[in-house]
Protein backbone atom coordinates (compact mmCIF):
# COMPACT_ATOMS: atom_id res chain seq x y z
CA MET A 1 4.19 106.19 -77.64
CA ASP A 2 6.24 109.63 -78.49
CA ASN A 3 4.13 111.09 -75.90
CA PHE A 4 4.10 108.03 -73.26
CA LEU A 5 6.42 110.06 -70.87
CA SER A 6 3.72 112.86 -70.84
CA GLY A 7 1.03 110.60 -70.17
CA GLY A 8 -0.54 109.45 -66.71
CA VAL A 9 -2.38 106.87 -65.02
CA ASN A 10 -4.10 105.26 -68.05
CA GLU A 11 -1.00 105.17 -69.83
CA LEU A 12 0.84 103.48 -66.72
CA LYS A 13 -2.25 100.90 -66.53
CA GLN A 14 -1.82 100.09 -70.14
CA ALA A 15 2.12 99.33 -69.45
CA LYS A 16 1.46 97.34 -66.17
CA THR A 17 -1.27 95.13 -68.38
CA ALA A 18 1.12 94.54 -70.75
CA ILE A 19 3.84 93.99 -68.67
CA THR A 20 1.85 91.50 -66.42
CA ARG A 21 0.77 89.65 -69.70
CA ALA A 22 4.56 89.16 -70.76
CA ASN A 23 5.52 88.16 -67.44
CA LYS A 24 2.57 85.42 -67.75
CA LEU A 25 3.20 84.24 -71.44
CA SER A 26 7.30 84.11 -69.94
CA GLU A 27 6.13 82.03 -67.11
CA ALA A 28 3.70 79.62 -69.60
CA MET A 29 6.89 79.20 -71.72
CA LEU A 30 9.29 78.42 -68.77
CA GLU A 31 6.60 75.70 -67.37
CA SER A 32 5.91 74.42 -70.88
CA GLU A 33 10.22 73.91 -71.40
CA LYS A 34 9.98 71.80 -68.19
CA LEU A 35 7.65 69.74 -68.95
CA ALA A 36 9.00 69.05 -72.37
CA LYS A 37 12.29 68.51 -70.71
CA ALA A 38 10.64 66.20 -68.07
CA ASN A 39 9.12 64.19 -70.96
CA ASP A 40 12.41 63.56 -72.59
CA LYS A 41 14.06 62.04 -69.53
CA ASP A 42 10.69 59.98 -69.19
CA VAL A 43 11.35 58.71 -72.75
CA ASP A 44 14.79 58.04 -72.18
CA ALA A 45 14.38 56.27 -68.78
CA GLN A 46 11.83 54.28 -70.68
CA LYS A 47 13.96 52.92 -73.40
CA LYS A 48 16.76 52.35 -70.87
CA TYR A 49 14.39 50.34 -68.91
CA MET A 50 13.41 48.34 -72.33
CA ASN A 51 16.78 47.92 -73.26
CA ASP A 52 18.08 46.61 -70.02
CA LYS A 53 15.21 44.14 -69.65
CA ILE A 54 16.40 42.89 -73.18
CA GLU A 55 19.73 42.25 -72.01
CA SER A 56 19.12 40.87 -68.69
CA THR A 57 16.58 38.46 -70.25
CA ILE A 58 18.54 37.31 -73.06
CA LYS A 59 21.59 36.70 -70.88
CA ALA A 60 19.76 34.76 -68.30
CA ARG A 61 17.86 32.67 -70.68
CA ARG A 62 21.32 32.06 -72.61
CA ASP A 63 22.78 31.17 -69.16
CA ASP A 64 20.11 28.89 -68.38
CA LEU A 65 20.53 27.25 -71.63
CA VAL A 66 24.79 27.12 -70.87
CA ARG A 67 23.97 25.44 -67.67
CA SER A 68 21.41 22.91 -68.97
CA HIS A 69 24.08 21.62 -71.26
CA ASP A 70 26.76 21.81 -69.40
CA THR A 71 25.25 19.73 -66.48
CA GLN A 72 24.75 17.09 -69.12
CA ILE A 73 28.19 17.24 -70.44
CA ALA A 74 29.47 17.19 -66.98
CA GLU A 75 27.59 14.08 -66.10
CA VAL A 76 29.30 12.31 -69.36
CA LYS A 77 32.16 13.68 -68.71
CA LYS A 78 32.09 11.84 -65.17
CA ASP A 79 31.18 8.69 -66.52
CA LEU A 80 34.27 8.72 -69.18
CA LYS A 81 36.70 9.85 -66.14
CA ASN A 82 35.33 6.70 -63.97
CA VAL A 83 35.73 4.23 -66.96
CA GLU A 84 39.20 5.56 -67.75
CA LYS A 85 39.85 5.14 -64.28
CA ASP A 86 38.56 1.71 -64.29
CA ARG A 87 40.88 0.90 -67.39
CA LYS A 88 43.84 2.24 -65.81
CA ASN A 89 43.40 0.14 -62.28
CA ALA A 90 43.06 -2.77 -64.85
CA LYS A 91 45.71 -2.39 -66.83
CA ALA A 92 48.01 -1.57 -63.85
CA LYS A 93 46.64 -5.18 -62.14
CA ALA A 94 47.40 -6.93 -65.53
CA ILE A 95 50.78 -5.41 -65.50
CA ASN A 96 51.74 -6.22 -62.34
CA ASP A 97 50.27 -9.92 -63.21
CA ARG A 98 52.17 -10.05 -66.23
CA ILE A 99 55.23 -9.16 -64.30
CA THR A 100 54.67 -11.67 -61.37
CA GLY A 101 54.06 -14.34 -63.84
CA GLU A 102 57.00 -13.46 -66.13
CA THR A 103 59.64 -13.06 -62.93
CA ASP A 104 58.16 -16.02 -60.44
CA SER A 105 61.09 -17.97 -61.71
CA PHE A 106 63.90 -15.63 -60.49
CA SER A 107 62.00 -14.39 -57.70
CA THR A 108 61.40 -18.29 -56.38
CA GLU A 109 65.20 -18.86 -57.13
CA ASN A 110 65.91 -15.88 -55.00
CA LYS A 111 64.09 -17.38 -51.94
CA LYS A 112 65.99 -20.75 -52.30
CA LEU A 113 69.20 -18.82 -52.31
CA LYS A 114 68.52 -16.76 -49.55
CA GLY A 115 67.57 -19.80 -47.63
CA GLN A 116 71.05 -21.66 -48.92
CA ILE A 117 72.93 -18.33 -47.34
CA LYS A 118 71.18 -18.84 -44.16
CA THR A 119 71.77 -22.81 -44.04
CA LEU A 120 75.34 -21.93 -44.71
CA PHE A 121 75.79 -19.34 -42.02
CA LYS A 122 74.06 -21.58 -39.33
CA GLN A 123 76.51 -24.52 -40.33
CA ALA A 124 79.45 -22.37 -40.24
CA LYS A 125 78.11 -20.57 -37.06
CA ILE A 126 78.24 -17.50 -38.45
CA PRO A 127 75.46 -14.69 -37.42
CA THR A 128 73.25 -13.82 -40.32
CA PHE A 129 73.30 -10.26 -39.74
CA PHE A 130 76.85 -10.21 -41.47
CA ASN A 131 75.28 -11.52 -44.78
CA ASN A 132 75.46 -7.67 -46.04
CA ARG A 133 77.31 -5.62 -48.59
CA LEU A 134 79.30 -3.60 -45.72
CA TYR A 135 80.85 -6.63 -44.24
CA TYR A 136 81.81 -8.21 -47.39
CA ALA A 137 83.50 -4.75 -48.59
CA LEU A 138 85.28 -4.58 -45.27
CA PHE A 139 86.72 -7.92 -44.67
CA TYR A 140 86.47 -9.67 -48.03
CA PRO A 141 86.82 -6.69 -50.86
CA LYS A 142 87.05 -7.59 -54.47
CA THR A 143 85.37 -4.92 -56.38
CA ILE A 144 86.06 -1.35 -56.77
CA LEU A 145 82.66 -0.53 -54.94
CA ASP A 146 83.81 -2.55 -52.14
CA PHE A 147 87.63 -1.04 -51.94
CA LEU A 148 85.62 2.41 -51.89
CA ILE A 149 83.28 1.28 -48.91
CA LEU A 150 86.26 0.24 -46.82
CA ALA A 151 88.11 3.45 -47.64
CA ALA A 152 85.16 5.58 -46.59
CA VAL A 153 84.67 3.22 -43.39
CA VAL A 154 88.52 3.71 -42.36
CA ILE A 155 88.57 7.41 -42.95
CA LEU A 156 85.25 7.59 -40.60
CA THR A 157 86.40 5.72 -37.76
CA ILE A 158 90.01 7.07 -37.46
CA ALA A 159 89.56 10.48 -38.74
CA VAL A 160 85.98 12.22 -38.95
CA ILE A 161 84.33 10.25 -35.58
CA PRO A 162 87.33 10.80 -33.30
CA ASN A 163 87.58 14.59 -34.23
CA ILE A 164 84.15 14.99 -33.97
CA VAL A 165 84.02 13.97 -30.58
CA ILE A 166 87.38 15.45 -29.58
CA ALA A 167 85.94 19.03 -31.12
CA LEU A 168 82.88 18.60 -28.71
CA ILE A 169 84.68 18.19 -25.38
CA ASP A 170 86.79 20.82 -23.76
CA THR A 171 89.83 19.72 -22.13
CA THR A 172 93.73 19.55 -22.83
CA THR A 173 95.57 18.55 -25.76
CA PHE A 174 97.14 15.60 -24.06
CA LEU A 175 93.58 14.32 -22.88
CA LYS A 176 92.34 14.85 -26.37
CA ILE A 177 95.03 12.53 -28.05
CA LEU A 178 94.52 10.15 -25.41
CA LEU A 179 90.88 10.48 -26.63
CA TYR A 180 91.70 9.99 -30.17
CA VAL A 181 93.73 6.92 -29.60
CA GLY A 182 91.25 5.48 -27.33
CA ILE A 183 88.29 5.87 -30.03
CA VAL A 184 90.38 4.65 -32.99
CA LEU A 185 91.24 1.31 -30.77
CA VAL A 186 88.00 0.86 -30.18
CA PHE A 187 86.85 0.53 -33.53
CA LEU A 188 89.97 -1.53 -33.98
CA ALA A 189 88.83 -3.64 -31.27
CA ILE A 190 85.48 -4.15 -32.62
CA PHE A 191 87.21 -5.13 -36.57
CA PHE A 192 89.41 -7.70 -34.99
CA ILE A 193 86.53 -8.92 -32.80
CA ILE A 194 84.35 -9.40 -36.05
CA LEU A 195 87.42 -10.72 -37.84
CA VAL A 196 88.18 -13.48 -35.32
CA ALA A 197 84.46 -14.51 -35.06
CA THR A 198 84.17 -14.97 -38.83
CA ARG A 199 87.40 -16.40 -39.82
CA GLY A 200 88.56 -19.95 -40.08
CA PRO A 201 88.72 -22.41 -43.16
CA ALA A 202 85.01 -23.64 -42.64
CA LYS A 203 83.66 -20.07 -42.09
CA GLU A 204 85.79 -18.72 -45.20
CA VAL A 205 84.21 -21.70 -47.29
CA ALA A 206 81.16 -20.53 -46.29
CA LEU A 207 81.44 -16.72 -46.68
CA GLU A 208 83.20 -17.72 -50.34
CA LYS A 209 80.07 -19.56 -51.27
CA ALA A 210 77.72 -17.02 -49.82
CA ARG A 211 79.31 -14.45 -51.73
CA ALA A 212 78.74 -16.56 -55.10
CA ILE A 213 74.86 -17.08 -53.83
CA ARG A 214 74.79 -12.94 -53.39
CA LYS A 215 75.88 -12.46 -57.02
CA ARG A 216 73.36 -14.74 -58.07
CA ILE A 217 70.57 -13.17 -56.39
CA LYS A 218 71.99 -9.86 -57.73
CA SER A 219 71.90 -11.24 -61.08
CA ASN A 220 68.39 -12.58 -60.64
CA LYS A 221 66.96 -9.04 -59.09
CA LYS A 222 68.85 -7.35 -62.22
CA GLN A 223 66.87 -9.47 -64.46
CA ILE A 224 63.70 -8.97 -62.91
CA ARG A 225 64.11 -5.38 -63.05
CA ILE A 226 64.55 -5.51 -66.71
CA THR A 227 62.20 -7.76 -67.14
CA SER A 228 59.51 -5.18 -65.21
CA ASP A 229 60.68 -2.43 -67.15
CA ASN A 230 60.07 -4.00 -70.70
CA ILE A 231 56.68 -5.02 -69.69
CA ARG A 232 56.26 -1.35 -68.06
CA THR A 233 57.28 0.15 -71.60
CA ASP A 234 55.45 -2.38 -73.69
CA THR A 235 52.58 -0.51 -75.86
CA ASP A 236 50.98 -3.64 -76.85
CA GLU A 237 47.86 -4.03 -74.54
CA SER A 238 46.36 -6.46 -76.24
CA THR A 239 46.64 -9.51 -73.77
CA TYR A 240 45.43 -7.52 -70.85
CA GLY A 241 41.74 -7.59 -71.65
CA LEU A 242 41.24 -3.94 -72.17
CA GLU A 243 38.86 -4.18 -74.63
CA GLU A 244 35.30 -4.08 -73.13
CA PHE A 245 36.76 -0.53 -71.27
CA ASP A 246 37.90 0.52 -74.74
CA THR A 247 34.66 0.08 -76.22
CA ASN A 248 32.74 1.81 -73.35
CA ILE A 249 35.32 4.97 -73.77
CA GLN A 250 34.56 5.07 -77.19
CA GLN A 251 30.48 4.87 -76.52
CA ILE A 252 30.95 7.75 -74.22
CA THR A 253 33.38 9.70 -76.02
CA ALA A 254 30.93 9.96 -78.91
CA ALA A 255 28.13 10.53 -76.61
CA LEU A 256 30.09 13.38 -75.39
CA GLU A 257 30.77 14.91 -78.84
CA GLU A 258 27.28 14.73 -79.38
CA LYS A 259 26.36 16.66 -76.08
CA GLU A 260 29.18 19.38 -76.99
CA GLU A 261 27.84 19.44 -80.69
CA ALA A 262 24.15 19.90 -79.31
CA LYS A 263 24.88 22.82 -77.05
CA ALA A 264 26.56 24.27 -79.92
CA ALA A 265 23.56 24.30 -82.21
CA ALA A 266 21.31 25.31 -79.29
CA LEU A 267 23.54 28.28 -78.66
CA ARG A 268 23.49 29.11 -82.51
CA GLU A 269 19.96 28.66 -82.35
CA PHE A 270 19.52 31.22 -79.44
CA ASP A 271 21.88 33.56 -80.82
CA GLU A 272 20.53 33.36 -84.43
CA THR A 273 16.41 33.15 -83.75
CA THR A 274 15.55 32.90 -79.76
CA ALA A 275 16.96 36.26 -79.07
CA ALA A 276 15.76 38.12 -81.72
CA ARG A 277 12.13 36.47 -80.48
CA ILE A 278 13.03 37.82 -76.81
CA ARG A 279 14.03 41.21 -78.20
CA MET A 280 10.87 41.57 -80.12
CA GLU A 281 8.44 40.49 -77.50
CA ILE A 282 10.19 42.93 -74.80
CA GLU A 283 9.60 45.62 -77.64
CA ASN A 284 6.22 45.35 -78.32
CA GLU A 285 5.52 45.22 -74.65
CA ASN A 286 7.25 48.51 -74.20
CA LEU A 287 7.18 50.63 -77.53
CA PRO A 288 3.69 51.52 -77.18
CA VAL A 289 4.21 53.62 -74.05
CA ILE A 290 7.48 54.99 -75.51
CA GLN A 291 5.97 55.81 -78.56
CA GLN A 292 3.09 57.47 -76.72
CA LEU A 293 5.62 59.24 -74.62
CA GLU A 294 7.29 60.60 -78.02
CA ALA A 295 4.43 61.71 -79.04
CA ASP A 296 3.42 63.94 -75.94
CA GLY A 297 6.96 65.34 -76.16
CA LYS A 298 6.35 65.91 -79.81
CA ALA A 299 3.14 68.08 -78.64
CA LEU A 300 5.05 69.40 -75.36
CA LYS A 301 7.82 70.51 -78.04
CA ALA A 302 5.04 72.35 -80.34
CA ASP A 303 3.38 73.91 -77.00
CA PHE A 304 6.82 75.33 -75.98
CA ALA A 305 7.83 76.71 -79.51
CA GLN A 306 4.54 78.59 -79.36
CA LYS A 307 4.86 80.04 -76.02
CA GLN A 308 8.62 80.78 -76.94
CA ILE A 309 7.08 83.00 -79.72
CA ASP A 310 4.41 84.41 -77.84
CA ALA A 311 6.82 85.34 -74.90
CA GLN A 312 9.44 86.84 -77.01
CA ALA A 313 6.66 88.80 -78.92
CA ALA A 314 5.36 90.05 -75.70
CA GLN A 315 8.81 90.95 -74.60
CA THR A 316 9.73 92.75 -77.41
CA GLU A 317 6.73 95.03 -77.55
CA ILE A 318 7.79 95.68 -73.62
CA ASN A 319 11.09 96.75 -74.56
CA ASN A 320 10.03 98.53 -77.65
CA ASN A 321 7.31 100.81 -75.90
CA TYR A 322 8.13 100.70 -72.56
CA ALA A 323 11.71 99.56 -71.47
CA ALA A 324 13.14 102.50 -73.70
CA TYR A 325 11.12 105.15 -71.50
CA LEU A 326 10.90 103.72 -68.43
CA GLY A 327 14.27 101.88 -67.96
CA ALA A 328 14.88 98.01 -67.29
CA ASN A 329 14.96 98.55 -63.70
CA ASN A 330 11.26 99.95 -63.67
CA ILE A 331 9.70 97.54 -65.89
CA ALA A 332 7.88 95.53 -63.46
CA PRO A 333 4.02 95.80 -61.76
CA ASP A 334 5.11 97.12 -58.58
CA LYS A 335 7.18 99.91 -59.60
CA ILE A 336 4.25 100.65 -62.22
CA ASP A 337 2.27 100.99 -59.20
CA ASP A 338 4.04 103.30 -57.10
CA MET A 339 4.25 105.84 -60.20
CA ILE A 340 0.27 105.35 -60.50
CA THR A 341 0.13 106.24 -56.45
CA LEU A 342 2.56 109.18 -57.24
CA ILE A 343 -0.01 110.75 -59.93
CA GLU A 344 -3.26 109.98 -58.25
CA GLU A 345 -1.81 111.41 -54.74
CA GLY A 346 -0.91 114.79 -56.95
CA ARG A 347 2.97 114.32 -56.20
CA ALA A 348 3.47 114.05 -59.84
CA GLN A 349 1.78 115.11 -62.74
CA THR A 350 3.08 113.04 -65.45
CA ILE A 351 5.13 109.83 -65.89
CA MET A 352 8.20 111.50 -66.21
CA GLN A 353 7.88 113.27 -62.76
CA ALA A 354 6.65 109.99 -61.56
CA LEU A 355 9.71 108.36 -62.71
CA ASP A 356 12.11 110.92 -61.67
CA ILE A 357 10.45 110.51 -58.22
CA ILE A 358 11.17 106.78 -58.55
CA ASN A 359 14.78 107.24 -59.37
CA GLY A 360 15.29 109.50 -56.41
CA GLU A 361 15.97 112.89 -58.71
CA ILE A 362 13.07 114.71 -57.27
CA LYS A 363 12.35 114.48 -53.43
């Protein structure tokens, strides 16, 4: 190639042929590489499709299994809840019946005692609405609580209520004093009216008897409360007739345990065996496609490797035989054609002269 630059059209045509061949080999190499990469994507996509299908199918089948067992378990739990509710209601009724039975004597006596008070008040001509704790605290105080109630009422009537009323009225101090005195006098008048209406030997005797009866009623109520509390806190349920409920609860509880154990066993079976079988079925369906794609990919990669070798060899030939003389910018078929035209038209005698004209060194 030492005389290449002194050559002419034949040498340029040889160079063009070599360059064209190298370009085609390079294009073929790029196309082969593109096909190999596309095949890799197809393999990855097919593997992803297979793995996603395995995962989604296993999850769906397992969810169906769980849902089926949970439905059965929920039904048993509902039955258990209903029986427990019925037992609770039956126990509550039995307790109430027991309380009623064991406190009936006190309740009956209290009804009679209340009737006696009404009779006493009627005979003494005392209104029955005076039969209350407030009346006895105000007019016949005996206990500490009675005196506390009396003190509270006195403070309320001579201090709190009058001062509240006065504070709400905008008037002179003198009128406020008169208003205060008037309110206190009204309360005192009410007090003395009640006192006069309920005083007298016969009335006082009736009130004292009524007080004693009220004390007896209070004692009976306390006894009823103590008896009721003892019955409610009694842990012995043998007298309530709950055996049938307890038997049903035991049977349903055992059935519930069986259902839960069956669910656990089914899930173990699924995780250890069924899931693997599902995986195998889907793999058997998809692996042939993947294996074919991988085989195609292997062939495409081999083809690419060969085309790469051929393209590199052709490019090495161009670099060694032509690029060093023509320059990298002139290693193109159209540039070669331009130089051939210059020589054929007589404007250049050699490749060197044509190259100088192309590069603008000769006009």
